[in-house]
Amino acid sequence: MRKSRWLLLPLAAVALLGGCRSTACEDLAAAYADVDRKSQPCVERAPLPAFDSARCEQNLQECGGADLEQLEAQVECYQRLGTCQPEQQTSFFQSITVCDSNAVSNTCEAAIF
């Protein structure tokens, strides 16, 4: 019986850690919130499309592997943005546009936004 306990510990660890992994929708929601915060020195709200993470989660299966890679690239790009400085507002918003260029397919976009 002692051996079986050792077999269950790795399985339990995998189950716990697997539950901690975030989804593309959660990552995008967090990135949007971060960009919104970084935009506040220049504007009240970031110029990003409306996003409902619950809708995203419900329809994420409409997005293929290439779409998920694009979403990941977009999130990483948003994470690299610094905080907007009023004197560099144009450059900041151009950087957001560059991040947005990591576009998903029309099918995926219609499903999750």
PDB file of N, CA and C in Angstrom:
ATOM      1  N   MET A   1       0.812  -1.193   0.000  1.00  0.00           N
ATOM      2  CA  MET A   1       0.000   0.000   0.000  1.00  0.00           C
ATOM      3  C   MET A   1       0.858   1.260   0.000  1.00  0.00           C
ATOM      4  N   ARG A   2       2.008   1.166   0.547  1.00  0.00           N
ATOM      5  CA  ARG A   2       2.893   2.320   0.635  1.00  0.00           C
ATOM      6  C   ARG A   2       3.328   2.793  -0.755  1.00  0.00           C
ATOM      7  N   LYS A   3       3.557   1.887  -1.694  1.00  0.00           N
ATOM      8  CA  LYS A   3       3.973   2.246  -3.043  1.00  0.00           C
ATOM      9  C   LYS A   3       2.882   3.027  -3.775  1.00  0.00           C
ATOM     10  N   SER A   4       1.635   2.676  -3.573  1.00  0.00           N
ATOM     11  CA  SER A   4       0.552   3.343  -4.294  1.00  0.00           C
ATOM     12  C   SER A   4       0.444   4.816  -3.912  1.00  0.00           C
ATOM     13  N   ARG A   5       0.776   5.161  -2.692  1.00  0.00           N
ATOM     14  CA  ARG A   5       0.739   6.561  -2.283  1.00  0.00           C
ATOM     15  C   ARG A   5       1.735   7.373  -3.103  1.00  0.00           C
ATOM     16  N   TRP A   6       2.903   6.812  -3.371  1.00  0.00           N
ATOM     17  CA  TRP A   6       3.918   7.513  -4.163  1.00  0.00           C
ATOM     18  C   TRP A   6       3.470   7.692  -5.608  1.00  0.00           C
ATOM     19  N   LEU A   7       2.649   6.795  -6.080  1.00  0.00           N
ATOM     20  CA  LEU A   7       2.132   6.937  -7.436  1.00  0.00           C
ATOM     21  C   LEU A   7       1.063   8.021  -7.513  1.00  0.00           C
ATOM     22  N   LEU A   8       0.318   8.211  -6.458  1.00  0.00           N
ATOM     23  CA  LEU A   8      -0.742   9.208  -6.451  1.00  0.00           C
ATOM     24  C   LEU A   8      -0.228  10.636  -6.296  1.00  0.00           C
ATOM     25  N   LEU A   9       0.884  10.831  -5.622  1.00  0.00           N
ATOM     26  CA  LEU A   9       1.403  12.178  -5.403  1.00  0.00           C
ATOM     27  C   LEU A   9       1.715  12.911  -6.709  1.00  0.00           C
ATOM     28  N   PRO A  10       2.430  12.286  -7.659  1.00  0.00           N
ATOM     29  CA  PRO A  10       2.672  12.997  -8.922  1.00  0.00           C
ATOM     30  C   PRO A  10       1.379  13.309  -9.676  1.00  0.00           C
ATOM     31  N   LEU A  11       0.419  12.391  -9.624  1.00  0.00           N
ATOM     32  CA  LEU A  11      -0.850  12.639 -10.303  1.00  0.00           C
ATOM     33  C   LEU A  11      -1.599  13.802  -9.669  1.00  0.00           C
ATOM     34  N   ALA A  12      -1.567  13.884  -8.367  1.00  0.00           N
ATOM     35  CA  ALA A  12      -2.225  14.988  -7.674  1.00  0.00           C
ATOM     36  C   ALA A  12      -1.543  16.315  -8.008  1.00  0.00           C
ATOM     37  N   ALA A  13      -0.219  16.306  -8.079  1.00  0.00           N
ATOM     38  CA  ALA A  13       0.510  17.526  -8.424  1.00  0.00           C
ATOM     39  C   ALA A  13       0.159  18.000  -9.827  1.00  0.00           C
ATOM     40  N   VAL A  14       0.072  17.077 -10.770  1.00  0.00           N
ATOM     41  CA  VAL A  14      -0.295  17.427 -12.143  1.00  0.00           C
ATOM     42  C   VAL A  14      -1.699  18.018 -12.179  1.00  0.00           C
ATOM     43  N   ALA A  15      -2.619  17.429 -11.453  1.00  0.00           N
ATOM     44  CA  ALA A  15      -3.993  17.928 -11.430  1.00  0.00           C
ATOM     45  C   ALA A  15      -4.059  19.333 -10.834  1.00  0.00           C
ATOM     46  N   LEU A  16      -3.325  19.565  -9.753  1.00  0.00           N
ATOM     47  CA  LEU A  16      -3.332  20.884  -9.129  1.00  0.00           C
ATOM     48  C   LEU A  16      -2.691  21.929 -10.025  1.00  0.00           C
ATOM     49  N   LEU A  17      -1.545  21.613 -10.591  1.00  0.00           N
ATOM     50  CA  LEU A  17      -0.857  22.569 -11.454  1.00  0.00           C
ATOM     51  C   LEU A  17      -1.618  22.804 -12.739  1.00  0.00           C
ATOM     52  N   GLY A  18      -2.255  21.801 -13.259  1.00  0.00           N
ATOM     53  CA  GLY A  18      -3.047  21.952 -14.473  1.00  0.00           C
ATOM     54  C   GLY A  18      -4.193  22.906 -14.259  1.00  0.00           C
ATOM     55  N   GLY A  19      -4.755  22.926 -13.075  1.00  0.00           N
ATOM     56  CA  GLY A  19      -5.849  23.830 -12.765  1.00  0.00           C
ATOM     57  C   GLY A  19      -5.397  25.271 -12.625  1.00  0.00           C
ATOM     58  N   CYS A  20      -4.107  25.504 -12.448  1.00  0.00           N
ATOM     59  CA  CYS A  20      -3.583  26.861 -12.276  1.00  0.00           C
ATOM     60  C   CYS A  20      -3.271  27.530 -13.608  1.00  0.00           C
ATOM     61  N   ARG A  21      -3.239  26.769 -14.664  1.00  0.00           N
ATOM     62  CA  ARG A  21      -2.885  27.310 -15.967  1.00  0.00           C
ATOM     63  C   ARG A  21      -3.980  28.233 -16.476  1.00  0.00           C
ATOM     64  N   SER A  22      -3.604  29.384 -16.979  1.00  0.00           N
ATOM     65  CA  SER A  22      -4.595  30.315 -17.490  1.00  0.00           C
ATOM     66  C   SER A  22      -4.884  30.019 -18.955  1.00  0.00           C
ATOM     67  N   THR A  23      -5.995  30.538 -19.427  1.00  0.00           N
ATOM     68  CA  THR A  23      -6.364  30.334 -20.822  1.00  0.00           C
ATOM     69  C   THR A  23      -6.012  31.579 -21.621  1.00  0.00           C
ATOM     70  N   ALA A  24      -6.105  31.445 -22.932  1.00  0.00           N
ATOM     71  CA  ALA A  24      -5.854  32.582 -23.818  1.00  0.00           C
ATOM     72  C   ALA A  24      -6.804  33.726 -23.482  1.00  0.00           C
ATOM     73  N   CYS A  25      -8.042  33.409 -23.128  1.00  0.00           N
ATOM     74  CA  CYS A  25      -9.029  34.446 -22.797  1.00  0.00           C
ATOM     75  C   CYS A  25      -8.645  35.188 -21.522  1.00  0.00           C
ATOM     76  N   GLU A  26      -8.227  34.459 -20.515  1.00  0.00           N
ATOM     77  CA  GLU A  26      -7.802  35.090 -19.273  1.00  0.00           C
ATOM     78  C   GLU A  26      -6.573  35.960 -19.506  1.00  0.00           C
ATOM     79  N   ASP A  27      -5.642  35.445 -20.311  1.00  0.00           N
ATOM     80  CA  ASP A  27      -4.428  36.203 -20.617  1.00  0.00           C
ATOM     81  C   ASP A  27      -4.762  37.493 -21.361  1.00  0.00           C
ATOM     82  N   LEU A  28      -5.675  37.393 -22.331  1.00  0.00           N
ATOM     83  CA  LEU A  28      -6.053  38.576 -23.095  1.00  0.00           C
ATOM     84  C   LEU A  28      -6.789  39.586 -22.222  1.00  0.00           C
ATOM     85  N   ALA A  29      -7.671  39.116 -21.363  1.00  0.00           N
ATOM     86  CA  ALA A  29      -8.386  40.013 -20.449  1.00  0.00           C
ATOM     87  C   ALA A  29      -7.397  40.740 -19.532  1.00  0.00           C
ATOM     88  N   ALA A  30      -6.420  40.019 -19.016  1.00  0.00           N
ATOM     89  CA  ALA A  30      -5.413  40.631 -18.142  1.00  0.00           C
ATOM     90  C   ALA A  30      -4.571  41.640 -18.917  1.00  0.00           C
ATOM     91  N   ALA A  31      -4.226  41.299 -20.150  1.00  0.00           N
ATOM     92  CA  ALA A  31      -3.432  42.216 -20.971  1.00  0.00           C
ATOM     93  C   ALA A  31      -4.221  43.479 -21.295  1.00  0.00           C
ATOM     94  N   TYR A  32      -5.504  43.337 -21.614  1.00  0.00           N
ATOM     95  CA  TYR A  32      -6.355  44.501 -21.896  1.00  0.00           C
ATOM     96  C   TYR A  32      -6.438  45.402 -20.670  1.00  0.00           C
ATOM     97  N   ALA A  33      -6.608  44.815 -19.495  1.00  0.00           N
ATOM     98  CA  ALA A  33      -6.679  45.598 -18.261  1.00  0.00           C
ATOM     99  C   ALA A  33      -5.360  46.334 -18.016  1.00  0.00           C
ATOM    100  N   ASP A  34      -4.257  45.660 -18.313  1.00  0.00           N
ATOM    101  CA  ASP A  34      -2.938  46.259 -18.135  1.00  0.00           C
ATOM    102  C   ASP A  34      -2.736  47.420 -19.108  1.00  0.00           C
ATOM    103  N   VAL A  35      -3.119  47.225 -20.372  1.00  0.00           N
ATOM    104  CA  VAL A  35      -2.994  48.298 -21.363  1.00  0.00           C
ATOM    105  C   VAL A  35      -3.893  49.472 -20.976  1.00  0.00           C
ATOM    106  N   ASP A  36      -5.070  49.180 -20.477  1.00  0.00           N
ATOM    107  CA  ASP A  36      -5.970  50.241 -20.038  1.00  0.00           C
ATOM    108  C   ASP A  36      -5.317  51.063 -18.922  1.00  0.00           C
ATOM    109  N   ARG A  37      -4.696  50.375 -17.989  1.00  0.00           N
ATOM    110  CA  ARG A  37      -3.999  51.057 -16.885  1.00  0.00           C
ATOM    111  C   ARG A  37      -2.822  51.876 -17.429  1.00  0.00           C
ATOM    112  N   LYS A  38      -2.050  51.302 -18.340  1.00  0.00           N
ATOM    113  CA  LYS A  38      -0.888  51.990 -18.903  1.00  0.00           C
ATOM    114  C   LYS A  38      -1.295  53.204 -19.740  1.00  0.00           C
ATOM    115  N   SER A  39      -2.512  53.208 -20.265  1.00  0.00           N
ATOM    116  CA  SER A  39      -2.997  54.300 -21.111  1.00  0.00           C
ATOM    117  C   SER A  39      -3.476  55.503 -20.320  1.00  0.00           C
ATOM    118  N   GLN A  40      -3.800  55.317 -19.053  1.00  0.00           N
ATOM    119  CA  GLN A  40      -4.468  56.354 -18.262  1.00  0.00           C
ATOM    120  C   GLN A  40      -3.736  57.687 -18.153  1.00  0.00           C
ATOM    121  N   PRO A  41      -2.410  57.736 -18.188  1.00  0.00           N
ATOM    122  CA  PRO A  41      -1.797  59.069 -18.178  1.00  0.00           C
ATOM    123  C   PRO A  41      -2.132  59.896 -19.432  1.00  0.00           C
ATOM    124  N   CYS A  42      -2.584  59.211 -20.494  1.00  0.00           N
ATOM    125  CA  CYS A  42      -2.868  59.899 -21.752  1.00  0.00           C
ATOM    126  C   CYS A  42      -4.353  59.984 -22.080  1.00  0.00           C
ATOM    127  N   VAL A  43      -5.095  58.953 -21.780  1.00  0.00           N
ATOM    128  CA  VAL A  43      -6.527  58.902 -22.087  1.00  0.00           C
ATOM    129  C   VAL A  43      -7.259  58.176 -20.967  1.00  0.00           C
ATOM    130  N   GLU A  44      -8.565  58.390 -20.904  1.00  0.00           N
ATOM    131  CA  GLU A  44      -9.356  57.748 -19.856  1.00  0.00           C
ATOM    132  C   GLU A  44      -9.438  56.234 -20.060  1.00  0.00           C
ATOM    133  N   ARG A  45      -9.621  55.805 -21.328  1.00  0.00           N
ATOM    134  CA  ARG A  45      -9.718  54.373 -21.639  1.00  0.00           C
ATOM    135  C   ARG A  45      -8.843  54.058 -22.837  1.00  0.00           C
ATOM    136  N   ALA A  46      -8.229  52.895 -22.806  1.00  0.00           N
ATOM    137  CA  ALA A  46      -7.389  52.455 -23.922  1.00  0.00           C
ATOM    138  C   ALA A  46      -8.252  52.218 -25.157  1.00  0.00           C
ATOM    139  N   PRO A  47      -7.720  52.485 -26.336  1.00  0.00           N
ATOM    140  CA  PRO A  47      -8.476  52.271 -27.577  1.00  0.00           C
ATOM    141  C   PRO A  47      -8.455  50.801 -28.001  1.00  0.00           C
ATOM    142  N   LEU A  48      -9.093  49.983 -27.202  1.00  0.00           N
ATOM    143  CA  LEU A  48      -9.161  48.541 -27.474  1.00  0.00           C
ATOM    144  C   LEU A  48     -10.618  48.147 -27.667  1.00  0.00           C
ATOM    145  N   PRO A  49     -10.865  47.086 -28.435  1.00  0.00           N
ATOM    146  CA  PRO A  49     -12.258  46.651 -28.618  1.00  0.00           C
ATOM    147  C   PRO A  49     -12.848  46.126 -27.310  1.00  0.00           C
ATOM    148  N   ALA A  50     -14.159  46.189 -27.220  1.00  0.00           N
ATOM    149  CA  ALA A  50     -14.839  45.629 -26.047  1.00  0.00           C
ATOM    150  C   ALA A  50     -14.516  44.137 -25.968  1.00  0.00           C
ATOM    151  N   PHE A  51     -14.299  43.646 -24.766  1.00  0.00           N
ATOM    152  CA  PHE A  51     -13.909  42.243 -24.595  1.00  0.00           C
ATOM    153  C   PHE A  51     -14.617  41.661 -23.387  1.00  0.00           C
ATOM    154  N   ASP A  52     -15.253  40.530 -23.596  1.00  0.00           N
ATOM    155  CA  ASP A  52     -15.953  39.812 -22.532  1.00  0.00           C
ATOM    156  C   ASP A  52     -15.277  38.446 -22.410  1.00  0.00           C
ATOM    157  N   SER A  53     -14.529  38.244 -21.340  1.00  0.00           N
ATOM    158  CA  SER A  53     -13.778  36.997 -21.209  1.00  0.00           C
ATOM    159  C   SER A  53     -14.692  35.772 -21.125  1.00  0.00           C
ATOM    160  N   ALA A  54     -15.896  35.921 -20.586  1.00  0.00           N
ATOM    161  CA  ALA A  54     -16.835  34.793 -20.525  1.00  0.00           C
ATOM    162  C   ALA A  54     -17.256  34.376 -21.940  1.00  0.00           C
ATOM    163  N   ARG A  55     -17.546  35.356 -22.793  1.00  0.00           N
ATOM    164  CA  ARG A  55     -17.888  35.056 -24.196  1.00  0.00           C
ATOM    165  C   ARG A  55     -16.702  34.382 -24.883  1.00  0.00           C
ATOM    166  N   CYS A  56     -15.521  34.911 -24.625  1.00  0.00           N
ATOM    167  CA  CYS A  56     -14.308  34.337 -25.202  1.00  0.00           C
ATOM    168  C   CYS A  56     -14.164  32.875 -24.797  1.00  0.00           C
ATOM    169  N   GLU A  57     -14.268  32.600 -23.510  1.00  0.00           N
ATOM    170  CA  GLU A  57     -14.135  31.223 -23.018  1.00  0.00           C
ATOM    171  C   GLU A  57     -15.169  30.303 -23.665  1.00  0.00           C
ATOM    172  N   GLN A  58     -16.375  30.806 -23.805  1.00  0.00           N
ATOM    173  CA  GLN A  58     -17.464  30.001 -24.357  1.00  0.00           C
ATOM    174  C   GLN A  58     -17.218  29.649 -25.825  1.00  0.00           C
ATOM    175  N   ASN A  59     -16.559  30.530 -26.565  1.00  0.00           N
ATOM    176  CA  ASN A  59     -16.408  30.346 -28.007  1.00  0.00           C
ATOM    177  C   ASN A  59     -14.973  30.117 -28.469  1.00  0.00           C
ATOM    178  N   LEU A  60     -14.055  29.939 -27.550  1.00  0.00           N
ATOM    179  CA  LEU A  60     -12.643  29.802 -27.907  1.00  0.00           C
ATOM    180  C   LEU A  60     -12.372  28.629 -28.841  1.00  0.00           C
ATOM    181  N   GLN A  61     -13.229  27.614 -28.811  1.00  0.00           N
ATOM    182  CA  GLN A  61     -13.031  26.448 -29.677  1.00  0.00           C
ATOM    183  C   GLN A  61     -13.117  26.821 -31.159  1.00  0.00           C
ATOM    184  N   GLU A  62     -13.652  27.991 -31.473  1.00  0.00           N
ATOM    185  CA  GLU A  62     -13.730  28.462 -32.865  1.00  0.00           C
ATOM    186  C   GLU A  62     -12.373  28.939 -33.372  1.00  0.00           C
ATOM    187  N   CYS A  63     -11.429  29.083 -32.467  1.00  0.00           N
ATOM    188  CA  CYS A  63     -10.100  29.565 -32.825  1.00  0.00           C
ATOM    189  C   CYS A  63      -9.150  28.386 -32.990  1.00  0.00           C
ATOM    190  N   GLY A  64      -8.461  28.359 -34.114  1.00  0.00           N
ATOM    191  CA  GLY A  64      -7.507  27.288 -34.387  1.00  0.00           C
ATOM    192  C   GLY A  64      -6.158  27.558 -33.747  1.00  0.00           C
ATOM    193  N   GLY A  65      -5.230  26.656 -33.984  1.00  0.00           N
ATOM    194  CA  GLY A  65      -3.890  26.775 -33.414  1.00  0.00           C
ATOM    195  C   GLY A  65      -3.178  28.051 -33.821  1.00  0.00           C
ATOM    196  N   ALA A  66      -3.314  28.441 -35.094  1.00  0.00           N
ATOM    197  CA  ALA A  66      -2.668  29.671 -35.559  1.00  0.00           C
ATOM    198  C   ALA A  66      -3.282  30.889 -34.856  1.00  0.00           C
ATOM    199  N   ASP A  67      -4.599  30.846 -34.631  1.00  0.00           N
ATOM    200  CA  ASP A  67      -5.265  31.939 -33.915  1.00  0.00           C
ATOM    201  C   ASP A  67      -4.731  32.051 -32.489  1.00  0.00           C
ATOM    202  N   LEU A  68      -4.565  30.922 -31.832  1.00  0.00           N
ATOM    203  CA  LEU A  68      -4.074  30.937 -30.452  1.00  0.00           C
ATOM    204  C   LEU A  68      -2.649  31.468 -30.389  1.00  0.00           C
ATOM    205  N   GLU A  69      -1.846  31.156 -31.398  1.00  0.00           N
ATOM    206  CA  GLU A  69      -0.486  31.691 -31.466  1.00  0.00           C
ATOM    207  C   GLU A  69      -0.522  33.206 -31.645  1.00  0.00           C
ATOM    208  N   GLN A  70      -1.447  33.696 -32.479  1.00  0.00           N
ATOM    209  CA  GLN A  70      -1.583  35.133 -32.689  1.00  0.00           C
ATOM    210  C   GLN A  70      -2.042  35.829 -31.401  1.00  0.00           C
ATOM    211  N   LEU A  71      -2.985  35.210 -30.693  1.00  0.00           N
ATOM    212  CA  LEU A  71      -3.437  35.787 -29.419  1.00  0.00           C
ATOM    213  C   LEU A  71      -2.287  35.863 -28.422  1.00  0.00           C
ATOM    214  N   GLU A  72      -1.480  34.819 -28.367  1.00  0.00           N
ATOM    215  CA  GLU A  72      -0.338  34.805 -27.464  1.00  0.00           C
ATOM    216  C   GLU A  72       0.655  35.904 -27.842  1.00  0.00           C
ATOM    217  N   ALA A  73       0.918  36.061 -29.143  1.00  0.00           N
ATOM    218  CA  ALA A  73       1.833  37.111 -29.597  1.00  0.00           C
ATOM    219  C   ALA A  73       1.282  38.494 -29.252  1.00  0.00           C
ATOM    220  N   GLN A  74      -0.030  38.663 -29.398  1.00  0.00           N
ATOM    221  CA  GLN A  74      -0.662  39.937 -29.086  1.00  0.00           C
ATOM    222  C   GLN A  74      -0.527  40.245 -27.586  1.00  0.00           C
ATOM    223  N   VAL A  75      -0.797  39.253 -26.761  1.00  0.00           N
ATOM    224  CA  VAL A  75      -0.682  39.430 -25.308  1.00  0.00           C
ATOM    225  C   VAL A  75       0.751  39.798 -24.938  1.00  0.00           C
ATOM    226  N   GLU A  76       1.724  39.087 -25.496  1.00  0.00           N
ATOM    227  CA  GLU A  76       3.128  39.371 -25.189  1.00  0.00           C
ATOM    228  C   GLU A  76       3.511  40.782 -25.624  1.00  0.00           C
ATOM    229  N   CYS A  77       2.994  41.219 -26.760  1.00  0.00           N
ATOM    230  CA  CYS A  77       3.263  42.567 -27.251  1.00  0.00           C
ATOM    231  C   CYS A  77       2.677  43.603 -26.285  1.00  0.00           C
ATOM    232  N   TYR A  78       1.437  43.398 -25.868  1.00  0.00           N
ATOM    233  CA  TYR A  78       0.809  44.309 -24.909  1.00  0.00           C
ATOM    234  C   TYR A  78       1.604  44.365 -23.604  1.00  0.00           C
ATOM    235  N   GLN A  79       2.115  43.219 -23.167  1.00  0.00           N
ATOM    236  CA  GLN A  79       2.852  43.170 -21.908  1.00  0.00           C
ATOM    237  C   GLN A  79       4.151  43.970 -21.990  1.00  0.00           C
ATOM    238  N   ARG A  80       4.715  44.083 -23.183  1.00  0.00           N
ATOM    239  CA  ARG A  80       5.966  44.827 -23.347  1.00  0.00           C
ATOM    240  C   ARG A  80       5.766  46.351 -23.384  1.00  0.00           C
ATOM    241  N   LEU A  81       4.540  46.797 -23.531  1.00  0.00           N
ATOM    242  CA  LEU A  81       4.281  48.235 -23.588  1.00  0.00           C
ATOM    243  C   LEU A  81       4.631  48.899 -22.263  1.00  0.00           C
ATOM    244  N   GLY A  82       5.224  50.070 -22.371  1.00  0.00           N
ATOM    245  CA  GLY A  82       5.457  50.870 -21.178  1.00  0.00           C
ATOM    246  C   GLY A  82       4.212  51.693 -20.894  1.00  0.00           C
ATOM    247  N   THR A  83       4.285  52.507 -19.872  1.00  0.00           N
ATOM    248  CA  THR A  83       3.175  53.397 -19.540  1.00  0.00           C
ATOM    249  C   THR A  83       3.209  54.602 -20.469  1.00  0.00           C
ATOM    250  N   CYS A  84       2.057  55.000 -20.930  1.00  0.00           N
ATOM    251  CA  CYS A  84       1.938  56.143 -21.838  1.00  0.00           C
ATOM    252  C   CYS A  84       2.403  57.416 -21.147  1.00  0.00           C
ATOM    253  N   GLN A  85       3.220  58.167 -21.850  1.00  0.00           N
ATOM    254  CA  GLN A  85       3.636  59.491 -21.399  1.00  0.00           C
ATOM    255  C   GLN A  85       2.981  60.514 -22.317  1.00  0.00           C
ATOM    256  N   PRO A  86       2.329  61.531 -21.773  1.00  0.00           N
ATOM    257  CA  PRO A  86       1.593  62.473 -22.624  1.00  0.00           C
ATOM    258  C   PRO A  86       2.398  63.009 -23.808  1.00  0.00           C
ATOM    259  N   GLU A  87       3.670  63.267 -23.607  1.00  0.00           N
ATOM    260  CA  GLU A  87       4.487  63.800 -24.696  1.00  0.00           C
ATOM    261  C   GLU A  87       4.833  62.738 -25.750  1.00  0.00           C
ATOM    262  N   GLN A  88       4.575  61.471 -25.453  1.00  0.00           N
ATOM    263  CA  GLN A  88       4.843  60.384 -26.400  1.00  0.00           C
ATOM    264  C   GLN A  88       3.570  59.605 -26.723  1.00  0.00           C
ATOM    265  N   GLN A  89       2.446  60.260 -26.608  1.00  0.00           N
ATOM    266  CA  GLN A  89       1.148  59.622 -26.797  1.00  0.00           C
ATOM    267  C   GLN A  89       1.019  58.983 -28.176  1.00  0.00           C
ATOM    268  N   THR A  90       1.423  59.663 -29.213  1.00  0.00           N
ATOM    269  CA  THR A  90       1.305  59.137 -30.573  1.00  0.00           C
ATOM    270  C   THR A  90       2.086  57.837 -30.710  1.00  0.00           C
ATOM    271  N   SER A  91       3.288  57.825 -30.206  1.00  0.00           N
ATOM    272  CA  SER A  91       4.131  56.624 -30.269  1.00  0.00           C
ATOM    273  C   SER A  91       3.508  55.469 -29.488  1.00  0.00           C
ATOM    274  N   PHE A  92       2.944  55.776 -28.327  1.00  0.00           N
ATOM    275  CA  PHE A  92       2.311  54.744 -27.509  1.00  0.00           C
ATOM    276  C   PHE A  92       1.150  54.092 -28.261  1.00  0.00           C
ATOM    277  N   PHE A  93       0.304  54.900 -28.863  1.00  0.00           N
ATOM    278  CA  PHE A  93      -0.849  54.361 -29.579  1.00  0.00           C
ATOM    279  C   PHE A  93      -0.440  53.634 -30.866  1.00  0.00           C
ATOM    280  N   GLN A  94       0.669  54.056 -31.467  1.00  0.00           N
ATOM    281  CA  GLN A  94       1.192  53.311 -32.616  1.00  0.00           C
ATOM    282  C   GLN A  94       1.669  51.932 -32.163  1.00  0.00           C
ATOM    283  N   SER A  95       2.234  51.848 -30.969  1.00  0.00           N
ATOM    284  CA  SER A  95       2.675  50.558 -30.427  1.00  0.00           C
ATOM    285  C   SER A  95       1.493  49.621 -30.190  1.00  0.00           C
ATOM    286  N   ILE A  96       0.372  50.174 -29.730  1.00  0.00           N
ATOM    287  CA  ILE A  96      -0.837  49.361 -29.565  1.00  0.00           C
ATOM    288  C   ILE A  96      -1.276  48.824 -30.923  1.00  0.00           C
ATOM    289  N   THR A  97      -1.210  49.667 -31.955  1.00  0.00           N
ATOM    290  CA  THR A  97      -1.586  49.247 -33.307  1.00  0.00           C
ATOM    291  C   THR A  97      -0.681  48.119 -33.793  1.00  0.00           C
ATOM    292  N   VAL A  98       0.597  48.196 -33.470  1.00  0.00           N
ATOM    293  CA  VAL A  98       1.527  47.114 -33.834  1.00  0.00           C
ATOM    294  C   VAL A  98       1.099  45.815 -33.146  1.00  0.00           C
ATOM    295  N   CYS A  99       0.743  45.892 -31.884  1.00  0.00           N
ATOM    296  CA  CYS A  99       0.279  44.699 -31.154  1.00  0.00           C
ATOM    297  C   CYS A  99      -0.986  44.135 -31.797  1.00  0.00           C
ATOM    298  N   ASP A 100      -1.868  45.025 -32.216  1.00  0.00           N
ATOM    299  CA  ASP A 100      -3.116  44.602 -32.851  1.00  0.00           C
ATOM    300  C   ASP A 100      -2.884  43.927 -34.198  1.00  0.00           C
ATOM    301  N   SER A 101      -1.719  44.138 -34.789  1.00  0.00           N
ATOM    302  CA  SER A 101      -1.431  43.521 -36.087  1.00  0.00           C
ATOM    303  C   SER A 101      -1.274  42.002 -35.972  1.00  0.00           C
ATOM    304  N   ASN A 102      -1.146  41.483 -34.762  1.00  0.00           N
ATOM    305  CA  ASN A 102      -1.149  40.034 -34.534  1.00  0.00           C
ATOM    306  C   ASN A 102      -2.606  39.577 -34.548  1.00  0.00           C
ATOM    307  N   ALA A 103      -3.213  39.685 -35.699  1.00  0.00           N
ATOM    308  CA  ALA A 103      -4.657  39.472 -35.829  1.00  0.00           C
ATOM    309  C   ALA A 103      -5.015  37.993 -35.953  1.00  0.00           C
ATOM    310  N   VAL A 104      -6.152  37.654 -35.395  1.00  0.00           N
ATOM    311  CA  VAL A 104      -6.694  36.299 -35.514  1.00  0.00           C
ATOM    312  C   VAL A 104      -7.587  36.242 -36.749  1.00  0.00           C
ATOM    313  N   SER A 105      -8.013  35.050 -37.110  1.00  0.00           N
ATOM    314  CA  SER A 105      -8.898  34.885 -38.266  1.00  0.00           C
ATOM    315  C   SER A 105     -10.239  35.573 -38.010  1.00  0.00           C
ATOM    316  N   ASN A 106     -10.954  35.865 -39.079  1.00  0.00           N
ATOM    317  CA  ASN A 106     -12.272  36.492 -38.943  1.00  0.00           C
ATOM    318  C   ASN A 106     -13.222  35.616 -38.132  1.00  0.00           C
ATOM    319  N   THR A 107     -13.150  34.299 -38.327  1.00  0.00           N
ATOM    320  CA  THR A 107     -14.005  33.371 -37.592  1.00  0.00           C
ATOM    321  C   THR A 107     -13.738  33.449 -36.099  1.00  0.00           C
ATOM    322  N   CYS A 108     -12.469  33.430 -35.742  1.00  0.00           N
ATOM    323  CA  CYS A 108     -12.071  33.502 -34.332  1.00  0.00           C
ATOM    324  C   CYS A 108     -12.475  34.842 -33.744  1.00  0.00           C
ATOM    325  N   GLU A 109     -12.202  35.917 -34.468  1.00  0.00           N
ATOM    326  CA  GLU A 109     -12.517  37.251 -33.960  1.00  0.00           C
ATOM    327  C   GLU A 109     -14.015  37.397 -33.698  1.00  0.00           C
ATOM    328  N   ALA A 110     -14.818  36.945 -34.642  1.00  0.00           N
ATOM    329  CA  ALA A 110     -16.278  37.037 -34.475  1.00  0.00           C
ATOM    330  C   ALA A 110     -16.750  36.207 -33.289  1.00  0.00           C
ATOM    331  N   ALA A 111     -16.075  35.105 -33.013  1.00  0.00           N
ATOM    332  CA  ALA A 111     -16.502  34.221 -31.931  1.00  0.00           C
ATOM    333  C   ALA A 111     -16.135  34.767 -30.551  1.00  0.00           C
ATOM    334  N   ILE A 112     -14.970  35.359 -30.409  1.00  0.00           N
ATOM    335  CA  ILE A 112     -14.512  35.712 -29.065  1.00  0.00           C
ATOM    336  C   ILE A 112     -14.689  37.177 -28.697  1.00  0.00           C
ATOM    337  N   PHE A 113     -14.984  38.033 -29.676  1.00  0.00           N
ATOM    338  CA  PHE A 113     -15.172  39.468 -29.371  1.00  0.00           C
ATOM    339  C   PHE A 113     -16.619  39.841 -29.484  1.00  0.00           C
TER     340      PHE A 113
END
